[in-house]
Amino acid sequence: MLGENEVHADVAVSNLTTAQKFYESTLGLKEIKQRDNEIYYRSGTGQIKIYQSQFAGTNQATYASWTVDDVAGTVDALKSKGMKFEHYDIPGVTREGDVHVMGSIRAAWFKDPDGNIFCLSNE
């Protein structure tokens, strides 16, 4: 039923101005519209909406993932903008710098200013 429809991520943030700077300047997302306390960004064929909420940063799992061709290159580009990457101890997973290696899968995790967790992956 929903397989033909696009999906988007709704991300709770505590301060819209701080989050806007991060999502635009650090991640390079382009705003497509604003409404009340919400800002919508295009990302590929999908979108991310950030909105102000008292529950910002309470999710302890990955909020959304970006599929990229070059995980290490994307990590380096984001690190040049001051991004710090998370390191997780996952059984059977090794790391090459900030990139977790799981066979042919490469992934790296980072947080926004509220602690929302995002992933970069080649799959």
N, C-alpha and C. Protein backbone atom coordinates (compact mmCIF):
# COMPACT_ATOMS: atom_id res chain seq x y z
N MET A 1 0.80 -1.19 0.00
CA MET A 1 0.00 0.00 0.00
C MET A 1 0.86 1.27 0.00
N LEU A 2 1.90 1.33 0.82
CA LEU A 2 2.73 2.54 0.89
C LEU A 2 3.98 2.45 0.02
N GLY A 3 4.21 1.32 -0.60
CA GLY A 3 5.43 1.10 -1.36
C GLY A 3 5.66 2.05 -2.52
N GLU A 4 4.64 2.71 -3.00
CA GLU A 4 4.78 3.64 -4.12
C GLU A 4 4.95 5.08 -3.65
N ASN A 5 4.95 5.30 -2.35
CA ASN A 5 5.02 6.66 -1.81
C ASN A 5 6.38 6.94 -1.21
N GLU A 6 6.83 8.21 -1.35
CA GLU A 6 8.09 8.60 -0.74
C GLU A 6 7.92 8.68 0.77
N VAL A 7 9.01 8.45 1.46
CA VAL A 7 9.03 8.56 2.92
C VAL A 7 10.01 9.67 3.28
N HIS A 8 9.78 10.31 4.42
CA HIS A 8 10.74 11.31 4.89
C HIS A 8 10.97 11.13 6.38
N ALA A 9 12.07 11.69 6.84
CA ALA A 9 12.41 11.62 8.27
C ALA A 9 11.96 12.90 8.96
N ASP A 10 11.37 12.76 10.13
CA ASP A 10 11.00 13.88 10.99
C ASP A 10 11.95 13.86 12.18
N VAL A 11 12.77 14.88 12.31
CA VAL A 11 13.82 14.91 13.33
C VAL A 11 13.53 16.02 14.34
N ALA A 12 13.39 15.63 15.59
CA ALA A 12 13.14 16.59 16.67
C ALA A 12 14.44 17.29 17.05
N VAL A 13 14.40 18.60 17.17
CA VAL A 13 15.55 19.40 17.59
C VAL A 13 15.12 20.34 18.71
N SER A 14 16.06 20.73 19.55
CA SER A 14 15.71 21.60 20.67
C SER A 14 15.77 23.08 20.29
N ASN A 15 16.62 23.43 19.33
CA ASN A 15 16.77 24.81 18.91
C ASN A 15 16.81 24.86 17.39
N LEU A 16 15.79 25.42 16.80
CA LEU A 16 15.67 25.41 15.34
C LEU A 16 16.81 26.18 14.66
N THR A 17 17.25 27.28 15.25
CA THR A 17 18.32 28.09 14.65
C THR A 17 19.63 27.32 14.64
N THR A 18 19.97 26.69 15.76
CA THR A 18 21.20 25.89 15.84
C THR A 18 21.14 24.72 14.87
N ALA A 19 20.01 24.03 14.85
CA ALA A 19 19.85 22.89 13.96
C ALA A 19 19.92 23.31 12.50
N GLN A 20 19.30 24.44 12.17
CA GLN A 20 19.31 24.93 10.79
C GLN A 20 20.74 25.15 10.31
N LYS A 21 21.57 25.75 11.14
CA LYS A 21 22.97 25.97 10.78
C LYS A 21 23.67 24.64 10.51
N PHE A 22 23.46 23.65 11.38
CA PHE A 22 24.08 22.34 11.21
C PHE A 22 23.61 21.65 9.92
N TYR A 23 22.32 21.57 9.72
CA TYR A 23 21.79 20.85 8.56
C TYR A 23 22.14 21.52 7.24
N GLU A 24 22.24 22.85 7.25
CA GLU A 24 22.58 23.56 6.03
C GLU A 24 24.09 23.69 5.84
N SER A 25 24.79 24.21 6.84
CA SER A 25 26.22 24.48 6.69
C SER A 25 27.08 23.22 6.77
N THR A 26 26.78 22.34 7.71
CA THR A 26 27.61 21.15 7.88
C THR A 26 27.22 20.04 6.92
N LEU A 27 25.92 19.73 6.85
CA LEU A 27 25.48 18.63 5.99
C LEU A 27 25.23 19.05 4.55
N GLY A 28 25.08 20.33 4.30
CA GLY A 28 24.88 20.81 2.93
C GLY A 28 23.48 20.60 2.38
N LEU A 29 22.49 20.47 3.26
CA LEU A 29 21.12 20.29 2.79
C LEU A 29 20.53 21.65 2.40
N LYS A 30 19.65 21.63 1.42
CA LYS A 30 19.01 22.85 0.93
C LYS A 30 17.58 22.90 1.43
N GLU A 31 17.23 24.02 2.04
CA GLU A 31 15.87 24.21 2.53
C GLU A 31 14.89 24.28 1.36
N ILE A 32 13.76 23.57 1.52
CA ILE A 32 12.73 23.66 0.48
C ILE A 32 11.50 24.42 0.96
N LYS A 33 11.28 24.46 2.28
CA LYS A 33 10.19 25.28 2.81
C LYS A 33 10.26 25.33 4.33
N GLN A 34 9.61 26.36 4.87
CA GLN A 34 9.47 26.50 6.32
C GLN A 34 7.99 26.66 6.63
N ARG A 35 7.60 26.11 7.76
CA ARG A 35 6.23 26.26 8.22
C ARG A 35 6.24 26.21 9.74
N ASP A 36 5.69 27.25 10.37
CA ASP A 36 5.67 27.34 11.82
C ASP A 36 7.05 27.03 12.40
N ASN A 37 7.19 26.02 13.23
CA ASN A 37 8.48 25.64 13.81
C ASN A 37 9.05 24.42 13.11
N GLU A 38 8.95 24.40 11.79
CA GLU A 38 9.45 23.28 10.99
C GLU A 38 10.25 23.80 9.80
N ILE A 39 11.32 23.09 9.46
CA ILE A 39 12.08 23.39 8.25
C ILE A 39 12.23 22.08 7.49
N TYR A 40 11.92 22.12 6.20
CA TYR A 40 12.00 20.95 5.33
C TYR A 40 13.23 21.08 4.43
N TYR A 41 13.95 19.96 4.29
CA TYR A 41 15.13 19.91 3.43
C TYR A 41 14.98 18.78 2.42
N ARG A 42 15.47 19.01 1.21
CA ARG A 42 15.53 17.97 0.19
C ARG A 42 16.82 17.20 0.39
N SER A 43 16.73 15.89 0.24
CA SER A 43 17.91 15.03 0.29
C SER A 43 17.67 13.91 -0.71
N GLY A 44 18.34 13.98 -1.85
CA GLY A 44 18.08 13.02 -2.92
C GLY A 44 16.64 13.18 -3.38
N THR A 45 15.90 12.07 -3.41
CA THR A 45 14.49 12.14 -3.78
C THR A 45 13.59 12.21 -2.56
N GLY A 46 14.19 12.21 -1.38
CA GLY A 46 13.41 12.28 -0.14
C GLY A 46 13.59 13.62 0.53
N GLN A 47 13.13 13.69 1.77
CA GLN A 47 13.31 14.92 2.51
C GLN A 47 13.42 14.65 4.01
N ILE A 48 13.98 15.63 4.68
CA ILE A 48 14.10 15.61 6.13
C ILE A 48 13.39 16.85 6.65
N LYS A 49 12.56 16.65 7.64
CA LYS A 49 11.92 17.78 8.31
C LYS A 49 12.50 17.86 9.72
N ILE A 50 12.97 19.05 10.10
CA ILE A 50 13.37 19.26 11.48
C ILE A 50 12.29 20.12 12.13
N TYR A 51 12.00 19.81 13.37
CA TYR A 51 10.98 20.56 14.09
C TYR A 51 11.37 20.67 15.56
N GLN A 52 10.99 21.77 16.18
CA GLN A 52 11.34 22.01 17.57
C GLN A 52 10.47 21.14 18.48
N SER A 53 11.13 20.46 19.44
CA SER A 53 10.42 19.56 20.35
C SER A 53 11.20 19.39 21.65
N GLN A 54 10.47 19.21 22.72
CA GLN A 54 11.11 18.93 24.01
C GLN A 54 11.73 17.54 24.04
N PHE A 55 11.41 16.70 23.07
CA PHE A 55 11.92 15.33 23.04
C PHE A 55 13.15 15.16 22.13
N ALA A 56 13.73 16.26 21.71
CA ALA A 56 14.91 16.21 20.84
C ALA A 56 16.02 15.39 21.48
N GLY A 57 16.65 14.55 20.67
CA GLY A 57 17.81 13.78 21.12
C GLY A 57 17.52 12.59 22.00
N THR A 58 16.25 12.23 22.18
CA THR A 58 15.94 11.12 23.08
C THR A 58 15.98 9.76 22.39
N ASN A 59 15.99 9.73 21.06
CA ASN A 59 16.10 8.47 20.33
C ASN A 59 17.55 7.98 20.42
N GLN A 60 17.76 6.78 20.87
CA GLN A 60 19.12 6.24 21.03
C GLN A 60 19.52 5.32 19.88
N ALA A 61 18.76 5.33 18.82
CA ALA A 61 19.04 4.50 17.64
C ALA A 61 19.22 5.42 16.43
N THR A 62 19.63 4.84 15.32
CA THR A 62 19.83 5.61 14.10
C THR A 62 18.51 6.19 13.61
N TYR A 63 18.50 7.49 13.41
CA TYR A 63 17.31 8.21 12.95
C TYR A 63 17.10 8.01 11.45
N ALA A 64 18.17 8.18 10.68
CA ALA A 64 18.10 8.07 9.22
C ALA A 64 19.50 7.76 8.71
N SER A 65 19.56 7.21 7.51
CA SER A 65 20.84 6.87 6.89
C SER A 65 20.91 7.43 5.48
N TRP A 66 22.10 7.84 5.10
CA TRP A 66 22.35 8.26 3.72
C TRP A 66 23.17 7.18 3.05
N THR A 67 22.78 6.77 1.87
CA THR A 67 23.58 5.86 1.05
C THR A 67 24.50 6.71 0.19
N VAL A 68 25.80 6.48 0.36
CA VAL A 68 26.81 7.24 -0.39
C VAL A 68 27.77 6.26 -1.06
N ASP A 69 28.36 6.67 -2.19
CA ASP A 69 29.29 5.80 -2.89
C ASP A 69 30.61 5.65 -2.14
N ASP A 70 31.09 6.72 -1.53
CA ASP A 70 32.40 6.74 -0.89
C ASP A 70 32.23 7.16 0.57
N VAL A 71 32.07 6.18 1.44
CA VAL A 71 31.86 6.48 2.86
C VAL A 71 33.07 7.21 3.44
N ALA A 72 34.26 6.70 3.21
CA ALA A 72 35.46 7.32 3.78
C ALA A 72 35.64 8.74 3.27
N GLY A 73 35.39 8.97 1.99
CA GLY A 73 35.51 10.31 1.42
C GLY A 73 34.48 11.27 2.01
N THR A 74 33.26 10.78 2.22
CA THR A 74 32.21 11.60 2.82
C THR A 74 32.55 11.91 4.27
N VAL A 75 33.08 10.91 4.98
CA VAL A 75 33.53 11.13 6.36
C VAL A 75 34.59 12.23 6.39
N ASP A 76 35.57 12.14 5.51
CA ASP A 76 36.63 13.16 5.47
C ASP A 76 36.08 14.55 5.18
N ALA A 77 35.13 14.63 4.25
CA ALA A 77 34.54 15.93 3.91
C ALA A 77 33.79 16.52 5.11
N LEU A 78 33.05 15.68 5.82
CA LEU A 78 32.31 16.15 6.99
C LEU A 78 33.26 16.49 8.15
N LYS A 79 34.32 15.71 8.30
CA LYS A 79 35.30 16.01 9.35
C LYS A 79 35.96 17.37 9.11
N SER A 80 36.14 17.73 7.85
CA SER A 80 36.74 19.03 7.54
C SER A 80 35.82 20.18 7.97
N LYS A 81 34.55 19.87 8.21
CA LYS A 81 33.58 20.87 8.68
C LYS A 81 33.36 20.75 10.19
N GLY A 82 34.21 19.95 10.85
CA GLY A 82 34.15 19.83 12.30
C GLY A 82 33.33 18.68 12.84
N MET A 83 32.83 17.81 11.96
CA MET A 83 32.00 16.68 12.40
C MET A 83 32.86 15.67 13.16
N LYS A 84 32.28 15.16 14.24
CA LYS A 84 32.90 14.06 14.99
C LYS A 84 32.07 12.82 14.73
N PHE A 85 32.74 11.69 14.61
CA PHE A 85 32.06 10.43 14.31
C PHE A 85 32.05 9.52 15.52
N GLU A 86 31.01 8.74 15.61
CA GLU A 86 30.81 7.80 16.72
C GLU A 86 31.52 6.49 16.40
N HIS A 87 31.99 5.80 17.44
CA HIS A 87 32.61 4.49 17.30
C HIS A 87 31.81 3.51 18.16
N TYR A 88 31.40 2.42 17.55
CA TYR A 88 30.61 1.42 18.25
C TYR A 88 31.35 0.09 18.27
N ASP A 89 31.29 -0.61 19.39
CA ASP A 89 31.85 -1.95 19.50
C ASP A 89 30.76 -2.94 19.11
N ILE A 90 30.85 -3.43 17.90
CA ILE A 90 29.87 -4.37 17.36
C ILE A 90 30.60 -5.67 17.07
N PRO A 91 30.14 -6.78 17.63
CA PRO A 91 30.82 -8.07 17.38
C PRO A 91 30.98 -8.35 15.89
N GLY A 92 32.21 -8.74 15.52
CA GLY A 92 32.50 -9.10 14.13
C GLY A 92 32.75 -7.92 13.21
N VAL A 93 32.71 -6.71 13.75
CA VAL A 93 32.90 -5.51 12.94
C VAL A 93 34.27 -4.90 13.27
N THR A 94 35.00 -4.52 12.23
CA THR A 94 36.27 -3.84 12.42
C THR A 94 36.09 -2.38 12.02
N ARG A 95 37.11 -1.59 12.30
CA ARG A 95 37.05 -0.19 11.92
C ARG A 95 38.29 0.19 11.15
N GLU A 96 38.08 1.04 10.16
CA GLU A 96 39.16 1.70 9.43
C GLU A 96 38.97 3.19 9.71
N GLY A 97 39.66 3.69 10.73
CA GLY A 97 39.43 5.07 11.16
C GLY A 97 38.04 5.19 11.74
N ASP A 98 37.22 6.05 11.17
CA ASP A 98 35.85 6.26 11.64
C ASP A 98 34.84 5.37 10.92
N VAL A 99 35.30 4.57 9.98
CA VAL A 99 34.40 3.74 9.16
C VAL A 99 34.36 2.32 9.72
N HIS A 100 33.15 1.87 10.03
CA HIS A 100 32.94 0.49 10.48
C HIS A 100 32.84 -0.41 9.25
N VAL A 101 33.53 -1.54 9.30
CA VAL A 101 33.61 -2.45 8.15
C VAL A 101 32.93 -3.77 8.52
N MET A 102 31.93 -4.12 7.72
CA MET A 102 31.17 -5.36 7.91
C MET A 102 31.13 -6.09 6.57
N GLY A 103 32.20 -6.81 6.25
CA GLY A 103 32.29 -7.43 4.93
C GLY A 103 32.39 -6.34 3.86
N SER A 104 31.44 -6.32 2.92
CA SER A 104 31.46 -5.30 1.86
C SER A 104 30.76 -4.01 2.29
N ILE A 105 30.15 -4.03 3.44
CA ILE A 105 29.43 -2.85 3.92
C ILE A 105 30.36 -1.94 4.70
N ARG A 106 30.31 -0.66 4.38
CA ARG A 106 31.06 0.37 5.09
C ARG A 106 30.03 1.33 5.68
N ALA A 107 30.19 1.71 6.95
CA ALA A 107 29.24 2.62 7.59
C ALA A 107 29.95 3.49 8.61
N ALA A 108 29.42 4.69 8.79
CA ALA A 108 29.93 5.62 9.79
C ALA A 108 28.74 6.36 10.39
N TRP A 109 28.79 6.59 11.71
CA TRP A 109 27.70 7.24 12.41
C TRP A 109 28.15 8.57 12.99
N PHE A 110 27.23 9.53 12.97
CA PHE A 110 27.49 10.84 13.58
C PHE A 110 26.20 11.34 14.23
N LYS A 111 26.35 12.40 15.04
CA LYS A 111 25.20 12.98 15.73
C LYS A 111 25.04 14.45 15.35
N ASP A 112 23.79 14.89 15.36
CA ASP A 112 23.53 16.32 15.19
C ASP A 112 23.71 17.01 16.54
N PRO A 113 23.54 18.33 16.62
CA PRO A 113 23.77 19.03 17.89
C PRO A 113 22.90 18.55 19.05
N ASP A 114 21.77 17.89 18.76
CA ASP A 114 20.89 17.38 19.82
C ASP A 114 21.19 15.94 20.19
N GLY A 115 22.13 15.31 19.49
CA GLY A 115 22.46 13.92 19.77
C GLY A 115 21.66 12.92 18.94
N ASN A 116 20.88 13.40 17.95
CA ASN A 116 20.20 12.50 17.03
C ASN A 116 21.25 11.79 16.19
N ILE A 117 21.11 10.48 16.05
CA ILE A 117 22.13 9.65 15.40
C ILE A 117 21.77 9.44 13.92
N PHE A 118 22.78 9.63 13.06
CA PHE A 118 22.62 9.43 11.61
C PHE A 118 23.75 8.53 11.12
N CYS A 119 23.53 7.91 9.98
CA CYS A 119 24.50 6.97 9.42
C CYS A 119 24.80 7.31 7.97
N LEU A 120 26.04 7.05 7.59
CA LEU A 120 26.47 7.04 6.20
C LEU A 120 26.81 5.61 5.88
N SER A 121 26.33 5.09 4.76
CA SER A 121 26.61 3.70 4.41
C SER A 121 26.69 3.56 2.89
N ASN A 122 27.45 2.56 2.46
CA ASN A 122 27.52 2.30 1.03
C ASN A 122 26.40 1.38 0.56
N GLU A 123 25.53 0.93 1.46
CA GLU A 123 24.38 0.09 1.09
C GLU A 123 23.14 0.56 1.80
